[in-house]
Amino acid sequence: RGFRFFNVIKQSEQYDPEGDYVRHWCPELKHVNAKMIHAPWKLSRQQQRDAGISIGVDYPNPIVDLFESAQANQRRYDEVMNMVAADA
């Protein structure tokens, strides 16, 4: 089956396309449009001003890059699987 990771952005877009759940739990994002609400750290400065927020102040910057961490974990997974296969 291989390595899999949970893509929270994709899940959020799929199951909360209008961002209602996000807005409920993150009211600071209430004025962010539905297209950008799932990745608000990608808002331009103008979009942040329009939404009345400042990323890094009113809403945190991401702690990790989802895709970079998934790639690193994929490499680790592959290394372990190769060691297991070599021992078999």
N, C-alpha and C. Protein backbone atom coordinates (compact mmCIF):
# COMPACT_ATOMS: atom_id res chain seq x y z
N ARG A 1 0.82 -1.20 0.00
CA ARG A 1 0.00 0.00 0.00
C ARG A 1 0.86 1.26 0.00
N GLY A 2 2.02 1.16 0.58
CA GLY A 2 2.92 2.30 0.52
C GLY A 2 2.64 3.35 1.56
N PHE A 3 3.44 4.39 1.52
CA PHE A 3 3.34 5.49 2.47
C PHE A 3 2.18 6.40 2.11
N ARG A 4 1.41 6.76 3.11
CA ARG A 4 0.29 7.69 2.90
C ARG A 4 0.36 8.76 3.98
N PHE A 5 -0.14 9.93 3.66
CA PHE A 5 -0.21 10.98 4.66
C PHE A 5 -1.56 11.67 4.55
N PHE A 6 -1.99 12.24 5.65
CA PHE A 6 -3.27 12.93 5.73
C PHE A 6 -3.08 14.37 5.30
N ASN A 7 -3.67 14.72 4.18
CA ASN A 7 -3.56 16.07 3.64
C ASN A 7 -4.70 16.91 4.20
N VAL A 8 -4.43 17.65 5.27
CA VAL A 8 -5.48 18.40 5.95
C VAL A 8 -6.09 19.49 5.07
N ILE A 9 -5.30 20.05 4.17
CA ILE A 9 -5.83 21.08 3.28
C ILE A 9 -6.84 20.47 2.32
N LYS A 10 -6.49 19.37 1.70
CA LYS A 10 -7.38 18.70 0.76
C LYS A 10 -8.67 18.25 1.46
N GLN A 11 -8.52 17.68 2.65
CA GLN A 11 -9.69 17.24 3.40
C GLN A 11 -10.60 18.42 3.74
N SER A 12 -10.00 19.51 4.15
CA SER A 12 -10.77 20.70 4.49
C SER A 12 -11.52 21.23 3.27
N GLU A 13 -10.85 21.28 2.14
CA GLU A 13 -11.50 21.76 0.90
C GLU A 13 -12.63 20.83 0.50
N GLN A 14 -12.42 19.54 0.65
CA GLN A 14 -13.42 18.56 0.21
C GLN A 14 -14.65 18.53 1.12
N TYR A 15 -14.43 18.57 2.43
CA TYR A 15 -15.54 18.40 3.36
C TYR A 15 -16.10 19.70 3.92
N ASP A 16 -15.46 20.81 3.67
CA ASP A 16 -15.92 22.11 4.14
C ASP A 16 -15.66 23.14 3.03
N PRO A 17 -16.24 22.94 1.85
CA PRO A 17 -15.89 23.78 0.70
C PRO A 17 -16.15 25.27 0.90
N GLU A 18 -17.13 25.63 1.70
CA GLU A 18 -17.42 27.05 1.93
C GLU A 18 -16.68 27.61 3.13
N GLY A 19 -16.02 26.73 3.90
CA GLY A 19 -15.22 27.18 5.05
C GLY A 19 -16.03 27.47 6.30
N ASP A 20 -17.27 26.98 6.37
CA ASP A 20 -18.11 27.26 7.54
C ASP A 20 -17.53 26.69 8.83
N TYR A 21 -17.03 25.47 8.76
CA TYR A 21 -16.43 24.84 9.95
C TYR A 21 -15.18 25.60 10.38
N VAL A 22 -14.36 25.96 9.42
CA VAL A 22 -13.14 26.71 9.72
C VAL A 22 -13.51 28.04 10.39
N ARG A 23 -14.48 28.73 9.83
CA ARG A 23 -14.88 30.03 10.40
C ARG A 23 -15.45 29.88 11.80
N HIS A 24 -16.16 28.77 12.05
CA HIS A 24 -16.71 28.54 13.38
C HIS A 24 -15.60 28.44 14.42
N TRP A 25 -14.57 27.66 14.12
CA TRP A 25 -13.50 27.40 15.07
C TRP A 25 -12.36 28.40 14.99
N CYS A 26 -12.27 29.13 13.91
CA CYS A 26 -11.24 30.17 13.74
C CYS A 26 -11.93 31.47 13.33
N PRO A 27 -12.65 32.10 14.26
CA PRO A 27 -13.43 33.29 13.89
C PRO A 27 -12.58 34.43 13.34
N GLU A 28 -11.28 34.42 13.60
CA GLU A 28 -10.42 35.46 13.03
C GLU A 28 -10.38 35.37 11.51
N LEU A 29 -10.81 34.24 10.95
CA LEU A 29 -10.81 34.06 9.50
C LEU A 29 -12.20 34.31 8.89
N LYS A 30 -13.11 34.89 9.66
CA LYS A 30 -14.50 35.01 9.21
C LYS A 30 -14.66 35.78 7.91
N HIS A 31 -13.75 36.67 7.58
CA HIS A 31 -13.88 37.47 6.36
C HIS A 31 -13.00 36.96 5.21
N VAL A 32 -12.34 35.83 5.41
CA VAL A 32 -11.52 35.24 4.33
C VAL A 32 -12.46 34.50 3.39
N ASN A 33 -12.26 34.69 2.09
CA ASN A 33 -13.16 34.03 1.14
C ASN A 33 -12.96 32.52 1.12
N ALA A 34 -13.97 31.82 0.66
CA ALA A 34 -13.98 30.35 0.70
C ALA A 34 -12.82 29.75 -0.08
N LYS A 35 -12.39 30.39 -1.14
CA LYS A 35 -11.30 29.86 -1.95
C LYS A 35 -9.98 29.82 -1.18
N MET A 36 -9.78 30.78 -0.29
CA MET A 36 -8.50 30.90 0.41
C MET A 36 -8.54 30.45 1.87
N ILE A 37 -9.71 30.16 2.39
CA ILE A 37 -9.82 29.89 3.83
C ILE A 37 -9.07 28.65 4.28
N HIS A 38 -8.82 27.73 3.39
CA HIS A 38 -8.16 26.48 3.76
C HIS A 38 -6.63 26.60 3.80
N ALA A 39 -6.12 27.69 3.29
CA ALA A 39 -4.67 27.96 3.34
C ALA A 39 -4.47 29.47 3.49
N PRO A 40 -4.93 30.04 4.61
CA PRO A 40 -4.89 31.50 4.75
C PRO A 40 -3.48 32.10 4.74
N TRP A 41 -2.47 31.29 5.03
CA TRP A 41 -1.09 31.80 5.01
C TRP A 41 -0.65 32.16 3.60
N LYS A 42 -1.43 31.76 2.59
CA LYS A 42 -1.11 32.10 1.21
C LYS A 42 -1.76 33.42 0.76
N LEU A 43 -2.50 34.05 1.65
CA LEU A 43 -3.13 35.33 1.31
C LEU A 43 -2.07 36.39 1.04
N SER A 44 -2.30 37.19 0.02
CA SER A 44 -1.42 38.33 -0.22
C SER A 44 -1.65 39.37 0.88
N ARG A 45 -0.77 40.33 0.96
CA ARG A 45 -0.94 41.39 1.97
C ARG A 45 -2.27 42.13 1.75
N GLN A 46 -2.61 42.35 0.48
CA GLN A 46 -3.87 43.05 0.18
C GLN A 46 -5.06 42.19 0.60
N GLN A 47 -5.02 40.90 0.34
CA GLN A 47 -6.10 40.01 0.75
C GLN A 47 -6.22 39.97 2.28
N GLN A 48 -5.09 40.01 2.97
CA GLN A 48 -5.12 40.06 4.43
C GLN A 48 -5.78 41.35 4.91
N ARG A 49 -5.41 42.46 4.30
CA ARG A 49 -6.03 43.74 4.68
C ARG A 49 -7.53 43.70 4.43
N ASP A 50 -7.92 43.16 3.27
CA ASP A 50 -9.35 43.07 2.93
C ASP A 50 -10.12 42.22 3.93
N ALA A 51 -9.48 41.18 4.46
CA ALA A 51 -10.12 40.28 5.43
C ALA A 51 -9.95 40.77 6.86
N GLY A 52 -9.18 41.83 7.06
CA GLY A 52 -8.98 42.39 8.39
C GLY A 52 -8.12 41.55 9.30
N ILE A 53 -7.17 40.81 8.70
CA ILE A 53 -6.27 39.98 9.50
C ILE A 53 -4.83 40.18 9.06
N SER A 54 -3.94 39.74 9.91
CA SER A 54 -2.51 39.74 9.58
C SER A 54 -1.98 38.36 9.93
N ILE A 55 -1.57 37.61 8.91
CA ILE A 55 -1.03 36.27 9.13
C ILE A 55 0.28 36.40 9.90
N GLY A 56 0.40 35.60 10.93
CA GLY A 56 1.56 35.68 11.81
C GLY A 56 1.27 36.51 13.05
N VAL A 57 0.16 37.26 13.02
CA VAL A 57 -0.26 38.06 14.17
C VAL A 57 -1.62 37.57 14.66
N ASP A 58 -2.63 37.69 13.79
CA ASP A 58 -3.99 37.28 14.15
C ASP A 58 -4.22 35.78 13.94
N TYR A 59 -3.47 35.21 13.05
CA TYR A 59 -3.56 33.78 12.74
C TYR A 59 -2.12 33.31 12.51
N PRO A 60 -1.74 32.17 13.10
CA PRO A 60 -0.32 31.77 13.03
C PRO A 60 0.12 31.32 11.64
N ASN A 61 1.40 31.51 11.39
CA ASN A 61 2.02 30.92 10.21
C ASN A 61 2.09 29.41 10.41
N PRO A 62 2.16 28.63 9.34
CA PRO A 62 2.29 27.18 9.49
C PRO A 62 3.55 26.82 10.28
N ILE A 63 3.45 25.77 11.08
CA ILE A 63 4.60 25.29 11.85
C ILE A 63 5.51 24.45 10.97
N VAL A 64 4.92 23.63 10.11
CA VAL A 64 5.67 22.80 9.16
C VAL A 64 5.04 22.95 7.78
N ASP A 65 5.82 22.69 6.77
CA ASP A 65 5.31 22.63 5.40
C ASP A 65 4.80 21.21 5.19
N LEU A 66 3.51 21.09 4.92
CA LEU A 66 2.87 19.78 4.78
C LEU A 66 3.58 18.90 3.76
N PHE A 67 3.87 19.45 2.61
CA PHE A 67 4.43 18.64 1.53
C PHE A 67 5.92 18.33 1.74
N GLU A 68 6.66 19.27 2.31
CA GLU A 68 8.06 18.98 2.63
C GLU A 68 8.15 17.89 3.68
N SER A 69 7.30 17.96 4.70
CA SER A 69 7.34 16.93 5.75
C SER A 69 6.88 15.58 5.20
N ALA A 70 5.92 15.58 4.30
CA ALA A 70 5.47 14.31 3.69
C ALA A 70 6.60 13.70 2.86
N GLN A 71 7.33 14.52 2.13
CA GLN A 71 8.45 13.99 1.34
C GLN A 71 9.53 13.42 2.24
N ALA A 72 9.84 14.11 3.33
CA ALA A 72 10.84 13.61 4.27
C ALA A 72 10.39 12.30 4.89
N ASN A 73 9.13 12.22 5.25
CA ASN A 73 8.60 10.98 5.83
C ASN A 73 8.58 9.85 4.80
N GLN A 74 8.32 10.19 3.55
CA GLN A 74 8.35 9.17 2.48
C GLN A 74 9.75 8.60 2.35
N ARG A 75 10.77 9.46 2.39
CA ARG A 75 12.16 8.99 2.32
C ARG A 75 12.47 8.06 3.49
N ARG A 76 12.07 8.45 4.68
CA ARG A 76 12.31 7.61 5.86
C ARG A 76 11.60 6.27 5.74
N TYR A 77 10.36 6.31 5.29
CA TYR A 77 9.57 5.09 5.10
C TYR A 77 10.27 4.16 4.11
N ASP A 78 10.71 4.72 2.98
CA ASP A 78 11.39 3.93 1.96
C ASP A 78 12.67 3.30 2.52
N GLU A 79 13.43 4.07 3.31
CA GLU A 79 14.67 3.54 3.90
C GLU A 79 14.36 2.35 4.80
N VAL A 80 13.36 2.47 5.63
CA VAL A 80 12.99 1.37 6.54
C VAL A 80 12.51 0.16 5.74
N MET A 81 11.69 0.40 4.75
CA MET A 81 11.18 -0.72 3.95
C MET A 81 12.31 -1.42 3.21
N ASN A 82 13.30 -0.66 2.74
CA ASN A 82 14.46 -1.27 2.07
C ASN A 82 15.28 -2.09 3.06
N MET A 83 15.43 -1.61 4.29
CA MET A 83 16.17 -2.38 5.31
C MET A 83 15.41 -3.66 5.64
N VAL A 84 14.12 -3.59 5.77
CA VAL A 84 13.31 -4.77 6.07
C VAL A 84 13.41 -5.77 4.93
N ALA A 85 13.35 -5.29 3.70
CA ALA A 85 13.44 -6.18 2.54
C ALA A 85 14.83 -6.84 2.48
N ALA A 86 15.84 -6.09 2.82
CA ALA A 86 17.21 -6.64 2.78
C ALA A 86 17.41 -7.73 3.83
N ASP A 87 16.71 -7.60 4.96
CA ASP A 87 16.82 -8.59 6.03
C ASP A 87 15.97 -9.83 5.77
N ALA A 88 15.05 -9.75 4.85
CA ALA A 88 14.14 -10.88 4.60
C ALA A 88 14.79 -12.01 3.82
